[in-house]
Amino acid sequence: MLIALAFWIYFWMMFLKKKPIFHEKTEPLLVKRQLKRLKSLSIVAGLFLIIGIVGIIIHNVQSNLSETHEFLYFYIGIIALYLFILLSIVSFVIFLNSKQNPKLDN
């Protein structure tokens, strides 16, 4: 999970500093589409991270207050964190593919 967080921090730092994320020979239409995809994946991954953390915190608070263990919030939190990691992996693959030199047709 720390690697996924590090990837998102690196991605947003590059984006905010306006450093090139894609290879310079990549088609502009493809760049625009991939950048839009990465932005939407980052928003969704951020939401899953927040849902996961809040779910686990609610589980811990509820377990301490009622002395019974409700696993619903725990499962929601764990599933959301796994989805965050999965979306981070997908985004990382898209990011690495965008850094490669595109194959030009001759």
PDB file of N, CA and C in Angstrom:
ATOM      1  N   MET A   1       0.823  -1.181   0.000  1.00  0.00           N
ATOM      2  CA  MET A   1       0.000   0.000   0.000  1.00  0.00           C
ATOM      3  C   MET A   1       0.877   1.258   0.000  1.00  0.00           C
ATOM      4  N   LEU A   2       2.013   1.183   0.650  1.00  0.00           N
ATOM      5  CA  LEU A   2       2.913   2.340   0.667  1.00  0.00           C
ATOM      6  C   LEU A   2       3.467   2.632  -0.720  1.00  0.00           C
ATOM      7  N   ILE A   3       3.704   1.586  -1.491  1.00  0.00           N
ATOM      8  CA  ILE A   3       4.193   1.781  -2.858  1.00  0.00           C
ATOM      9  C   ILE A   3       3.126   2.456  -3.702  1.00  0.00           C
ATOM     10  N   ALA A   4       1.859   2.057  -3.488  1.00  0.00           N
ATOM     11  CA  ALA A   4       0.764   2.686  -4.221  1.00  0.00           C
ATOM     12  C   ALA A   4       0.650   4.165  -3.856  1.00  0.00           C
ATOM     13  N   LEU A   5       0.770   4.477  -2.577  1.00  0.00           N
ATOM     14  CA  LEU A   5       0.731   5.882  -2.162  1.00  0.00           C
ATOM     15  C   LEU A   5       1.906   6.664  -2.747  1.00  0.00           C
ATOM     16  N   ALA A   6       3.075   6.053  -2.761  1.00  0.00           N
ATOM     17  CA  ALA A   6       4.253   6.715  -3.328  1.00  0.00           C
ATOM     18  C   ALA A   6       4.061   6.988  -4.817  1.00  0.00           C
ATOM     19  N   PHE A   7       3.444   6.042  -5.533  1.00  0.00           N
ATOM     20  CA  PHE A   7       3.185   6.253  -6.959  1.00  0.00           C
ATOM     21  C   PHE A   7       2.277   7.452  -7.167  1.00  0.00           C
ATOM     22  N   TRP A   8       1.189   7.539  -6.394  1.00  0.00           N
ATOM     23  CA  TRP A   8       0.246   8.648  -6.579  1.00  0.00           C
ATOM     24  C   TRP A   8       0.884   9.979  -6.211  1.00  0.00           C
ATOM     25  N   ILE A   9       1.701  10.005  -5.189  1.00  0.00           N
ATOM     26  CA  ILE A   9       2.387  11.247  -4.824  1.00  0.00           C
ATOM     27  C   ILE A   9       3.336  11.666  -5.944  1.00  0.00           C
ATOM     28  N   TYR A  10       4.092  10.704  -6.483  1.00  0.00           N
ATOM     29  CA  TYR A  10       5.005  10.990  -7.594  1.00  0.00           C
ATOM     30  C   TYR A  10       4.240  11.487  -8.822  1.00  0.00           C
ATOM     31  N   PHE A  11       3.137  10.812  -9.140  1.00  0.00           N
ATOM     32  CA  PHE A  11       2.339  11.196 -10.312  1.00  0.00           C
ATOM     33  C   PHE A  11       1.812  12.617 -10.167  1.00  0.00           C
ATOM     34  N   TRP A  12       1.240  12.952  -9.023  1.00  0.00           N
ATOM     35  CA  TRP A  12       0.678  14.286  -8.846  1.00  0.00           C
ATOM     36  C   TRP A  12       1.757  15.355  -8.759  1.00  0.00           C
ATOM     37  N   MET A  13       2.925  15.021  -8.226  1.00  0.00           N
ATOM     38  CA  MET A  13       4.019  15.998  -8.210  1.00  0.00           C
ATOM     39  C   MET A  13       4.471  16.302  -9.642  1.00  0.00           C
ATOM     40  N   MET A  14       4.569  15.275 -10.483  1.00  0.00           N
ATOM     41  CA  MET A  14       4.929  15.497 -11.885  1.00  0.00           C
ATOM     42  C   MET A  14       3.858  16.309 -12.601  1.00  0.00           C
ATOM     43  N   PHE A  15       2.606  15.990 -12.317  1.00  0.00           N
ATOM     44  CA  PHE A  15       1.507  16.689 -12.970  1.00  0.00           C
ATOM     45  C   PHE A  15       1.456  18.154 -12.544  1.00  0.00           C
ATOM     46  N   LEU A  16       1.639  18.426 -11.260  1.00  0.00           N
ATOM     47  CA  LEU A  16       1.578  19.806 -10.772  1.00  0.00           C
ATOM     48  C   LEU A  16       2.775  20.635 -11.223  1.00  0.00           C
ATOM     49  N   LYS A  17       3.937  19.998 -11.368  1.00  0.00           N
ATOM     50  CA  LYS A  17       5.126  20.711 -11.840  1.00  0.00           C
ATOM     51  C   LYS A  17       5.156  20.825 -13.362  1.00  0.00           C
ATOM     52  N   LYS A  18       4.130  20.240 -14.009  1.00  0.00           N
ATOM     53  CA  LYS A  18       3.990  20.265 -15.467  1.00  0.00           C
ATOM     54  C   LYS A  18       5.171  19.616 -16.179  1.00  0.00           C
ATOM     55  N   LYS A  19       5.721  18.576 -15.568  1.00  0.00           N
ATOM     56  CA  LYS A  19       6.768  17.803 -16.229  1.00  0.00           C
ATOM     57  C   LYS A  19       6.097  16.835 -17.205  1.00  0.00           C
ATOM     58  N   PRO A  20       6.784  16.486 -18.274  1.00  0.00           N
ATOM     59  CA  PRO A  20       6.165  15.582 -19.249  1.00  0.00           C
ATOM     60  C   PRO A  20       5.944  14.179 -18.650  1.00  0.00           C
ATOM     61  N   ILE A  21       4.722  13.735 -18.727  1.00  0.00           N
ATOM     62  CA  ILE A  21       4.376  12.418 -18.215  1.00  0.00           C
ATOM     63  C   ILE A  21       4.493  11.377 -19.323  1.00  0.00           C
ATOM     64  N   PHE A  22       4.246  11.796 -20.555  1.00  0.00           N
ATOM     65  CA  PHE A  22       4.245  10.890 -21.692  1.00  0.00           C
ATOM     66  C   PHE A  22       5.476  11.121 -22.559  1.00  0.00           C
ATOM     67  N   HIS A  23       5.786  10.126 -23.377  1.00  0.00           N
ATOM     68  CA  HIS A  23       6.904  10.234 -24.303  1.00  0.00           C
ATOM     69  C   HIS A  23       6.584  11.316 -25.323  1.00  0.00           C
ATOM     70  N   GLU A  24       7.596  12.067 -25.763  1.00  0.00           N
ATOM     71  CA  GLU A  24       7.343  13.210 -26.641  1.00  0.00           C
ATOM     72  C   GLU A  24       6.855  12.819 -28.030  1.00  0.00           C
ATOM     73  N   LYS A  25       7.060  11.575 -28.441  1.00  0.00           N
ATOM     74  CA  LYS A  25       6.618  11.134 -29.763  1.00  0.00           C
ATOM     75  C   LYS A  25       5.214  10.535 -29.747  1.00  0.00           C
ATOM     76  N   THR A  26       4.557  10.550 -28.618  1.00  0.00           N
ATOM     77  CA  THR A  26       3.205   9.995 -28.513  1.00  0.00           C
ATOM     78  C   THR A  26       2.209  10.956 -29.156  1.00  0.00           C
ATOM     79  N   GLU A  27       1.207  10.387 -29.812  1.00  0.00           N
ATOM     80  CA  GLU A  27       0.195  11.200 -30.474  1.00  0.00           C
ATOM     81  C   GLU A  27      -0.559  12.059 -29.462  1.00  0.00           C
ATOM     82  N   PRO A  28      -0.858  13.303 -29.807  1.00  0.00           N
ATOM     83  CA  PRO A  28      -1.552  14.194 -28.863  1.00  0.00           C
ATOM     84  C   PRO A  28      -2.925  13.684 -28.430  1.00  0.00           C
ATOM     85  N   LEU A  29      -3.658  13.056 -29.347  1.00  0.00           N
ATOM     86  CA  LEU A  29      -4.976  12.526 -28.985  1.00  0.00           C
ATOM     87  C   LEU A  29      -4.846  11.403 -27.964  1.00  0.00           C
ATOM     88  N   LEU A  30      -3.845  10.546 -28.146  1.00  0.00           N
ATOM     89  CA  LEU A  30      -3.611   9.467 -27.201  1.00  0.00           C
ATOM     90  C   LEU A  30      -3.153  10.011 -25.845  1.00  0.00           C
ATOM     91  N   VAL A  31      -2.329  11.051 -25.873  1.00  0.00           N
ATOM     92  CA  VAL A  31      -1.873  11.671 -24.629  1.00  0.00           C
ATOM     93  C   VAL A  31      -3.056  12.224 -23.846  1.00  0.00           C
ATOM     94  N   LYS A  32      -3.945  12.925 -24.539  1.00  0.00           N
ATOM     95  CA  LYS A  32      -5.102  13.518 -23.880  1.00  0.00           C
ATOM     96  C   LYS A  32      -5.993  12.431 -23.264  1.00  0.00           C
ATOM     97  N   ARG A  33      -6.199  11.341 -24.010  1.00  0.00           N
ATOM     98  CA  ARG A  33      -7.050  10.249 -23.528  1.00  0.00           C
ATOM     99  C   ARG A  33      -6.419   9.528 -22.328  1.00  0.00           C
ATOM    100  N   GLN A  34      -5.112   9.258 -22.407  1.00  0.00           N
ATOM    101  CA  GLN A  34      -4.426   8.583 -21.302  1.00  0.00           C
ATOM    102  C   GLN A  34      -4.356   9.467 -20.060  1.00  0.00           C
ATOM    103  N   LEU A  35      -4.136  10.762 -20.242  1.00  0.00           N
ATOM    104  CA  LEU A  35      -4.097  11.673 -19.102  1.00  0.00           C
ATOM    105  C   LEU A  35      -5.460  11.762 -18.425  1.00  0.00           C
ATOM    106  N   LYS A  36      -6.518  11.794 -19.225  1.00  0.00           N
ATOM    107  CA  LYS A  36      -7.873  11.806 -18.664  1.00  0.00           C
ATOM    108  C   LYS A  36      -8.136  10.515 -17.892  1.00  0.00           C
ATOM    109  N   ARG A  37      -7.689   9.401 -18.444  1.00  0.00           N
ATOM    110  CA  ARG A  37      -7.859   8.107 -17.771  1.00  0.00           C
ATOM    111  C   ARG A  37      -7.088   8.059 -16.454  1.00  0.00           C
ATOM    112  N   LEU A  38      -5.862   8.561 -16.463  1.00  0.00           N
ATOM    113  CA  LEU A  38      -5.067   8.577 -15.228  1.00  0.00           C
ATOM    114  C   LEU A  38      -5.670   9.488 -14.166  1.00  0.00           C
ATOM    115  N   LYS A  39      -6.189  10.629 -14.573  1.00  0.00           N
ATOM    116  CA  LYS A  39      -6.828  11.534 -13.615  1.00  0.00           C
ATOM    117  C   LYS A  39      -8.061  10.892 -12.992  1.00  0.00           C
ATOM    118  N   SER A  40      -8.893  10.268 -13.823  1.00  0.00           N
ATOM    119  CA  SER A  40     -10.103   9.637 -13.272  1.00  0.00           C
ATOM    120  C   SER A  40      -9.754   8.453 -12.379  1.00  0.00           C
ATOM    121  N   LEU A  41      -8.746   7.688 -12.756  1.00  0.00           N
ATOM    122  CA  LEU A  41      -8.321   6.584 -11.894  1.00  0.00           C
ATOM    123  C   LEU A  41      -7.757   7.088 -10.576  1.00  0.00           C
ATOM    124  N   SER A  42      -7.070   8.221 -10.607  1.00  0.00           N
ATOM    125  CA  SER A  42      -6.529   8.754  -9.359  1.00  0.00           C
ATOM    126  C   SER A  42      -7.642   9.243  -8.435  1.00  0.00           C
ATOM    127  N   ILE A  43      -8.683   9.830  -8.995  1.00  0.00           N
ATOM    128  CA  ILE A  43      -9.809  10.274  -8.171  1.00  0.00           C
ATOM    129  C   ILE A  43     -10.524   9.091  -7.551  1.00  0.00           C
ATOM    130  N   VAL A  44     -10.781   8.066  -8.352  1.00  0.00           N
ATOM    131  CA  VAL A  44     -11.470   6.877  -7.838  1.00  0.00           C
ATOM    132  C   VAL A  44     -10.602   6.155  -6.802  1.00  0.00           C
ATOM    133  N   ALA A  45      -9.311   6.054  -7.067  1.00  0.00           N
ATOM    134  CA  ALA A  45      -8.414   5.403  -6.105  1.00  0.00           C
ATOM    135  C   ALA A  45      -8.359   6.193  -4.801  1.00  0.00           C
ATOM    136  N   GLY A  46      -8.353   7.513  -4.885  1.00  0.00           N
ATOM    137  CA  GLY A  46      -8.374   8.338  -3.682  1.00  0.00           C
ATOM    138  C   GLY A  46      -9.647   8.142  -2.877  1.00  0.00           C
ATOM    139  N   LEU A  47     -10.777   8.020  -3.567  1.00  0.00           N
ATOM    140  CA  LEU A  47     -12.035   7.751  -2.867  1.00  0.00           C
ATOM    141  C   LEU A  47     -12.001   6.402  -2.164  1.00  0.00           C
ATOM    142  N   PHE A  48     -11.471   5.390  -2.829  1.00  0.00           N
ATOM    143  CA  PHE A  48     -11.373   4.073  -2.197  1.00  0.00           C
ATOM    144  C   PHE A  48     -10.430   4.099  -0.998  1.00  0.00           C
ATOM    145  N   LEU A  49      -9.363   4.881  -1.076  1.00  0.00           N
ATOM    146  CA  LEU A  49      -8.455   5.005   0.060  1.00  0.00           C
ATOM    147  C   LEU A  49      -9.174   5.635   1.255  1.00  0.00           C
ATOM    148  N   ILE A  50      -9.913   6.693   0.999  1.00  0.00           N
ATOM    149  CA  ILE A  50     -10.657   7.353   2.077  1.00  0.00           C
ATOM    150  C   ILE A  50     -11.722   6.422   2.654  1.00  0.00           C
ATOM    151  N   ILE A  51     -12.462   5.731   1.791  1.00  0.00           N
ATOM    152  CA  ILE A  51     -13.492   4.794   2.261  1.00  0.00           C
ATOM    153  C   ILE A  51     -12.859   3.683   3.091  1.00  0.00           C
ATOM    154  N   GLY A  52     -11.717   3.181   2.655  1.00  0.00           N
ATOM    155  CA  GLY A  52     -11.039   2.117   3.393  1.00  0.00           C
ATOM    156  C   GLY A  52     -10.596   2.557   4.772  1.00  0.00           C
ATOM    157  N   ILE A  53      -9.998   3.723   4.853  1.00  0.00           N
ATOM    158  CA  ILE A  53      -9.528   4.213   6.150  1.00  0.00           C
ATOM    159  C   ILE A  53     -10.698   4.507   7.072  1.00  0.00           C
ATOM    160  N   VAL A  54     -11.744   5.154   6.549  1.00  0.00           N
ATOM    161  CA  VAL A  54     -12.917   5.470   7.369  1.00  0.00           C
ATOM    162  C   VAL A  54     -13.618   4.189   7.818  1.00  0.00           C
ATOM    163  N   GLY A  55     -13.717   3.195   6.940  1.00  0.00           N
ATOM    164  CA  GLY A  55     -14.354   1.931   7.305  1.00  0.00           C
ATOM    165  C   GLY A  55     -13.630   1.225   8.442  1.00  0.00           C
ATOM    166  N   ILE A  56     -12.330   1.201   8.396  1.00  0.00           N
ATOM    167  CA  ILE A  56     -11.566   0.538   9.453  1.00  0.00           C
ATOM    168  C   ILE A  56     -11.632   1.337  10.751  1.00  0.00           C
ATOM    169  N   ILE A  57     -11.614   2.668  10.657  1.00  0.00           N
ATOM    170  CA  ILE A  57     -11.743   3.490  11.869  1.00  0.00           C
ATOM    171  C   ILE A  57     -13.123   3.288  12.504  1.00  0.00           C
ATOM    172  N   ILE A  58     -14.173   3.285  11.694  1.00  0.00           N
ATOM    173  CA  ILE A  58     -15.525   3.055  12.234  1.00  0.00           C
ATOM    174  C   ILE A  58     -15.603   1.679  12.887  1.00  0.00           C
ATOM    175  N   HIS A  59     -15.008   0.673  12.280  1.00  0.00           N
ATOM    176  CA  HIS A  59     -15.002  -0.669  12.867  1.00  0.00           C
ATOM    177  C   HIS A  59     -14.323  -0.655  14.235  1.00  0.00           C
ATOM    178  N   ASN A  60     -13.161   0.005  14.322  1.00  0.00           N
ATOM    179  CA  ASN A  60     -12.436   0.047  15.598  1.00  0.00           C
ATOM    180  C   ASN A  60     -13.207   0.803  16.666  1.00  0.00           C
ATOM    181  N   VAL A  61     -13.800   1.923  16.302  1.00  0.00           N
ATOM    182  CA  VAL A  61     -14.572   2.702  17.273  1.00  0.00           C
ATOM    183  C   VAL A  61     -15.789   1.921  17.737  1.00  0.00           C
ATOM    184  N   GLN A  62     -16.494   1.321  16.802  1.00  0.00           N
ATOM    185  CA  GLN A  62     -17.695   0.561  17.161  1.00  0.00           C
ATOM    186  C   GLN A  62     -17.342  -0.664  17.996  1.00  0.00           C
ATOM    187  N   SER A  63     -16.242  -1.311  17.708  1.00  0.00           N
ATOM    188  CA  SER A  63     -15.834  -2.487  18.491  1.00  0.00           C
ATOM    189  C   SER A  63     -15.472  -2.095  19.917  1.00  0.00           C
ATOM    190  N   ASN A  64     -14.825  -0.956  20.083  1.00  0.00           N
ATOM    191  CA  ASN A  64     -14.447  -0.515  21.424  1.00  0.00           C
ATOM    192  C   ASN A  64     -15.643  -0.038  22.236  1.00  0.00           C
ATOM    193  N   LEU A  65     -16.630   0.565  21.584  1.00  0.00           N
ATOM    194  CA  LEU A  65     -17.775   1.100  22.314  1.00  0.00           C
ATOM    195  C   LEU A  65     -18.794   0.031  22.700  1.00  0.00           C
ATOM    196  N   SER A  66     -19.015  -0.933  21.835  1.00  0.00           N
ATOM    197  CA  SER A  66     -20.100  -1.890  22.090  1.00  0.00           C
ATOM    198  C   SER A  66     -19.618  -3.252  22.575  1.00  0.00           C
ATOM    199  N   GLU A  67     -18.317  -3.473  22.631  1.00  0.00           N
ATOM    200  CA  GLU A  67     -17.738  -4.755  23.068  1.00  0.00           C
ATOM    201  C   GLU A  67     -18.172  -5.932  22.194  1.00  0.00           C
ATOM    202  N   THR A  68     -18.821  -5.673  21.069  1.00  0.00           N
ATOM    203  CA  THR A  68     -19.123  -6.719  20.092  1.00  0.00           C
ATOM    204  C   THR A  68     -18.383  -6.373  18.812  1.00  0.00           C
ATOM    205  N   HIS A  69     -18.131  -7.368  18.036  1.00  0.00           N
ATOM    206  CA  HIS A  69     -17.377  -7.152  16.813  1.00  0.00           C
ATOM    207  C   HIS A  69     -18.304  -7.243  15.606  1.00  0.00           C
ATOM    208  N   GLU A  70     -18.520  -6.103  14.983  1.00  0.00           N
ATOM    209  CA  GLU A  70     -19.248  -6.037  13.720  1.00  0.00           C
ATOM    210  C   GLU A  70     -18.199  -6.004  12.621  1.00  0.00           C
ATOM    211  N   PHE A  71     -18.260  -6.960  11.737  1.00  0.00           N
ATOM    212  CA  PHE A  71     -17.233  -7.053  10.710  1.00  0.00           C
ATOM    213  C   PHE A  71     -17.619  -6.375   9.401  1.00  0.00           C
ATOM    214  N   LEU A  72     -18.817  -5.790   9.329  1.00  0.00           N
ATOM    215  CA  LEU A  72     -19.250  -5.155   8.092  1.00  0.00           C
ATOM    216  C   LEU A  72     -18.323  -4.009   7.704  1.00  0.00           C
ATOM    217  N   TYR A  73     -18.065  -3.106   8.630  1.00  0.00           N
ATOM    218  CA  TYR A  73     -17.196  -1.963   8.316  1.00  0.00           C
ATOM    219  C   TYR A  73     -15.755  -2.408   8.065  1.00  0.00           C
ATOM    220  N   PHE A  74     -15.340  -3.443   8.752  1.00  0.00           N
ATOM    221  CA  PHE A  74     -13.994  -3.975   8.538  1.00  0.00           C
ATOM    222  C   PHE A  74     -13.864  -4.519   7.119  1.00  0.00           C
ATOM    223  N   TYR A  75     -14.852  -5.298   6.676  1.00  0.00           N
ATOM    224  CA  TYR A  75     -14.814  -5.845   5.324  1.00  0.00           C
ATOM    225  C   TYR A  75     -14.895  -4.739   4.274  1.00  0.00           C
ATOM    226  N   ILE A  76     -15.738  -3.737   4.529  1.00  0.00           N
ATOM    227  CA  ILE A  76     -15.822  -2.610   3.602  1.00  0.00           C
ATOM    228  C   ILE A  76     -14.462  -1.911   3.504  1.00  0.00           C
ATOM    229  N   GLY A  77     -13.821  -1.695   4.645  1.00  0.00           N
ATOM    230  CA  GLY A  77     -12.521  -1.043   4.650  1.00  0.00           C
ATOM    231  C   GLY A  77     -11.455  -1.843   3.932  1.00  0.00           C
ATOM    232  N   ILE A  78     -11.404  -3.142   4.192  1.00  0.00           N
ATOM    233  CA  ILE A  78     -10.385  -3.989   3.556  1.00  0.00           C
ATOM    234  C   ILE A  78     -10.618  -4.095   2.051  1.00  0.00           C
ATOM    235  N   ILE A  79     -11.865  -4.279   1.638  1.00  0.00           N
ATOM    236  CA  ILE A  79     -12.164  -4.373   0.203  1.00  0.00           C
ATOM    237  C   ILE A  79     -11.829  -3.061  -0.497  1.00  0.00           C
ATOM    238  N   ALA A  80     -12.153  -1.935   0.139  1.00  0.00           N
ATOM    239  CA  ALA A  80     -11.831  -0.640  -0.460  1.00  0.00           C
ATOM    240  C   ALA A  80     -10.321  -0.452  -0.584  1.00  0.00           C
ATOM    241  N   LEU A  81      -9.558  -0.890   0.409  1.00  0.00           N
ATOM    242  CA  LEU A  81      -8.102  -0.763   0.319  1.00  0.00           C
ATOM    243  C   LEU A  81      -7.522  -1.672  -0.765  1.00  0.00           C
ATOM    244  N   TYR A  82      -8.090  -2.871  -0.917  1.00  0.00           N
ATOM    245  CA  TYR A  82      -7.640  -3.743  -2.007  1.00  0.00           C
ATOM    246  C   TYR A  82      -7.967  -3.123  -3.366  1.00  0.00           C
ATOM    247  N   LEU A  83      -9.124  -2.499  -3.486  1.00  0.00           N
ATOM    248  CA  LEU A  83      -9.471  -1.836  -4.739  1.00  0.00           C
ATOM    249  C   LEU A  83      -8.550  -0.648  -5.006  1.00  0.00           C
ATOM    250  N   PHE A  84      -8.156   0.060  -3.947  1.00  0.00           N
ATOM    251  CA  PHE A  84      -7.185   1.144  -4.094  1.00  0.00           C
ATOM    252  C   PHE A  84      -5.871   0.608  -4.648  1.00  0.00           C
ATOM    253  N   ILE A  85      -5.406  -0.495  -4.116  1.00  0.00           N
ATOM    254  CA  ILE A  85      -4.147  -1.088  -4.583  1.00  0.00           C
ATOM    255  C   ILE A  85      -4.287  -1.570  -6.024  1.00  0.00           C
ATOM    256  N   LEU A  86      -5.426  -2.194  -6.364  1.00  0.00           N
ATOM    257  CA  LEU A  86      -5.654  -2.666  -7.726  1.00  0.00           C
ATOM    258  C   LEU A  86      -5.679  -1.509  -8.719  1.00  0.00           C
ATOM    259  N   LEU A  87      -6.378  -0.434  -8.387  1.00  0.00           N
ATOM    260  CA  LEU A  87      -6.407   0.734  -9.268  1.00  0.00           C
ATOM    261  C   LEU A  87      -5.029   1.380  -9.389  1.00  0.00           C
ATOM    262  N   SER A  88      -4.256   1.331  -8.335  1.00  0.00           N
ATOM    263  CA  SER A  88      -2.901   1.877  -8.392  1.00  0.00           C
ATOM    264  C   SER A  88      -2.025   1.054  -9.323  1.00  0.00           C
ATOM    265  N   ILE A  89      -2.186  -0.251  -9.291  1.00  0.00           N
ATOM    266  CA  ILE A  89      -1.408  -1.114 -10.194  1.00  0.00           C
ATOM    267  C   ILE A  89      -1.788  -0.850 -11.641  1.00  0.00           C
ATOM    268  N   VAL A  90      -3.092  -0.744 -11.914  1.00  0.00           N
ATOM    269  CA  VAL A  90      -3.554  -0.458 -13.276  1.00  0.00           C
ATOM    270  C   VAL A  90      -3.013   0.889 -13.749  1.00  0.00           C
ATOM    271  N   SER A  91      -3.060   1.882 -12.895  1.00  0.00           N
ATOM    272  CA  SER A  91      -2.554   3.212 -13.252  1.00  0.00           C
ATOM    273  C   SER A  91      -1.047   3.193 -13.463  1.00  0.00           C
ATOM    274  N   PHE A  92      -0.340   2.424 -12.654  1.00  0.00           N
ATOM    275  CA  PHE A  92       1.104   2.308 -12.799  1.00  0.00           C
ATOM    276  C   PHE A  92       1.463   1.675 -14.140  1.00  0.00           C
ATOM    277  N   VAL A  93       0.703   0.671 -14.567  1.00  0.00           N
ATOM    278  CA  VAL A  93       0.944   0.032 -15.864  1.00  0.00           C
ATOM    279  C   VAL A  93       0.680   1.029 -16.991  1.00  0.00           C
ATOM    280  N   ILE A  94      -0.411   1.787 -16.899  1.00  0.00           N
ATOM    281  CA  ILE A  94      -0.698   2.804 -17.911  1.00  0.00           C
ATOM    282  C   ILE A  94       0.415   3.841 -17.944  1.00  0.00           C
ATOM    283  N   PHE A  95       0.878   4.249 -16.775  1.00  0.00           N
ATOM    284  CA  PHE A  95       1.948   5.239 -16.674  1.00  0.00           C
ATOM    285  C   PHE A  95       3.240   4.716 -17.306  1.00  0.00           C
ATOM    286  N   LEU A  96       3.600   3.467 -17.018  1.00  0.00           N
ATOM    287  CA  LEU A  96       4.829   2.908 -17.595  1.00  0.00           C
ATOM    288  C   LEU A  96       4.715   2.735 -19.102  1.00  0.00           C
ATOM    289  N   ASN A  97       3.547   2.317 -19.588  1.00  0.00           N
ATOM    290  CA  ASN A  97       3.357   2.188 -21.030  1.00  0.00           C
ATOM    291  C   ASN A  97       3.430   3.534 -21.729  1.00  0.00           C
ATOM    292  N   SER A  98       3.005   4.584 -21.062  1.00  0.00           N
ATOM    293  CA  SER A  98       3.030   5.907 -21.679  1.00  0.00           C
ATOM    294  C   SER A  98       4.453   6.471 -21.747  1.00  0.00           C
ATOM    295  N   LYS A  99       5.348   5.979 -20.906  1.00  0.00           N
ATOM    296  CA  LYS A  99       6.735   6.447 -20.914  1.00  0.00           C
ATOM    297  C   LYS A  99       7.561   5.800 -22.026  1.00  0.00           C
ATOM    298  N   GLN A 100       7.077   4.709 -22.592  1.00  0.00           N
ATOM    299  CA  GLN A 100       7.829   4.007 -23.619  1.00  0.00           C
ATOM    300  C   GLN A 100       7.729   4.750 -24.949  1.00  0.00           C
ATOM    301  N   ASN A 101       8.728   4.541 -25.787  1.00  0.00           N
ATOM    302  CA  ASN A 101       8.727   5.123 -27.117  1.00  0.00           C
ATOM    303  C   ASN A 101       7.654   4.425 -27.951  1.00  0.00           C
ATOM    304  N   PRO A 102       6.713   5.177 -28.509  1.00  0.00           N
ATOM    305  CA  PRO A 102       5.672   4.520 -29.293  1.00  0.00           C
ATOM    306  C   PRO A 102       6.228   3.972 -30.607  1.00  0.00           C
ATOM    307  N   LYS A 103       5.647   2.876 -31.041  1.00  0.00           N
ATOM    308  CA  LYS A 103       6.086   2.268 -32.310  1.00  0.00           C
ATOM    309  C   LYS A 103       5.430   3.041 -33.455  1.00  0.00           C
ATOM    310  N   LEU A 104       6.257   3.556 -34.316  1.00  0.00           N
ATOM    311  CA  LEU A 104       5.762   4.334 -35.452  1.00  0.00           C
ATOM    312  C   LEU A 104       5.669   3.436 -36.669  1.00  0.00           C
ATOM    313  N   ASP A 105       4.576   3.583 -37.427  1.00  0.00           N
ATOM    314  CA  ASP A 105       4.398   2.808 -38.658  1.00  0.00           C
ATOM    315  C   ASP A 105       5.207   3.456 -39.779  1.00  0.00           C
ATOM    316  N   ASN A 106       5.944   2.635 -40.500  1.00  0.00           N
ATOM    317  CA  ASN A 106       6.752   3.158 -41.623  1.00  0.00           C
ATOM    318  C   ASN A 106       6.131   2.762 -42.920  1.00  0.00           C
TER     319      ASN A 106
END
